[in-house]
């Protein structure tokens, strides 16, 4: 139970990072297409 909190925090941080990366990548692709 002591290591579940940092694991959840790391997973949440990773999800936020991936979401931000996909948004930036989609913006770049849209900019390249137009």
C-alpha atoms as a PDB file:
ATOM      1  CA  UNK A   1       0.000   0.000   0.000  1.00  0.00           C
ATOM      2  CA  UNK A   2       2.965   2.290   0.573  1.00  0.00           C
ATOM      3  CA  UNK A   3       4.168   2.119  -3.048  1.00  0.00           C
ATOM      4  CA  UNK A   4       0.745   2.399  -4.708  1.00  0.00           C
ATOM      5  CA  UNK A   5       0.568   6.189  -4.329  1.00  0.00           C
ATOM      6  CA  UNK A   6       3.854   7.011  -6.156  1.00  0.00           C
ATOM      7  CA  UNK A   7       2.952   4.474  -8.846  1.00  0.00           C
ATOM      8  CA  UNK A   8      -0.426   6.129  -9.409  1.00  0.00           C
ATOM      9  CA  UNK A   9       1.197   9.569  -9.416  1.00  0.00           C
ATOM     10  CA  UNK A  10       3.774   8.433 -11.983  1.00  0.00           C
ATOM     11  CA  UNK A  11       1.095   6.860 -14.142  1.00  0.00           C
ATOM     12  CA  UNK A  12      -0.987  10.050 -14.005  1.00  0.00           C
ATOM     13  CA  UNK A  13       2.063  12.144 -14.912  1.00  0.00           C
ATOM     14  CA  UNK A  14       2.848   9.813 -17.815  1.00  0.00           C
ATOM     15  CA  UNK A  15      -0.740  10.052 -19.084  1.00  0.00           C
ATOM     16  CA  UNK A  16      -0.614  13.858 -18.915  1.00  0.00           C
ATOM     17  CA  UNK A  17       2.694  13.874 -20.792  1.00  0.00           C
ATOM     18  CA  UNK A  18       1.368  11.549 -23.514  1.00  0.00           C
ATOM     19  CA  UNK A  19      -1.802  13.619 -23.907  1.00  0.00           C
ATOM     20  CA  UNK A  20       0.184  16.831 -24.249  1.00  0.00           C
ATOM     21  CA  UNK A  21       2.535  15.172 -26.748  1.00  0.00           C
ATOM     22  CA  UNK A  22      -0.346  13.921 -28.901  1.00  0.00           C
ATOM     23  CA  UNK A  23      -1.961  17.377 -28.907  1.00  0.00           C
ATOM     24  CA  UNK A  24       1.296  19.004 -30.016  1.00  0.00           C
ATOM     25  CA  UNK A  25       1.883  16.312 -32.651  1.00  0.00           C
ATOM     26  CA  UNK A  26      -1.658  16.710 -34.000  1.00  0.00           C
ATOM     27  CA  UNK A  27      -1.146  20.487 -34.191  1.00  0.00           C
ATOM     28  CA  UNK A  28       2.118  20.022 -36.103  1.00  0.00           C
ATOM     29  CA  UNK A  29       0.503  17.546 -38.512  1.00  0.00           C
ATOM     30  CA  UNK A  30      -2.419  19.900 -39.085  1.00  0.00           C
ATOM     31  CA  UNK A  31       0.031  22.753 -39.713  1.00  0.00           C
ATOM     32  CA  UNK A  32       1.989  20.636 -42.207  1.00  0.00           C
ATOM     33  CA  UNK A  33      -1.146  19.550 -44.081  1.00  0.00           C
ATOM     34  CA  UNK A  34      -2.528  23.071 -44.455  1.00  0.00           C
END
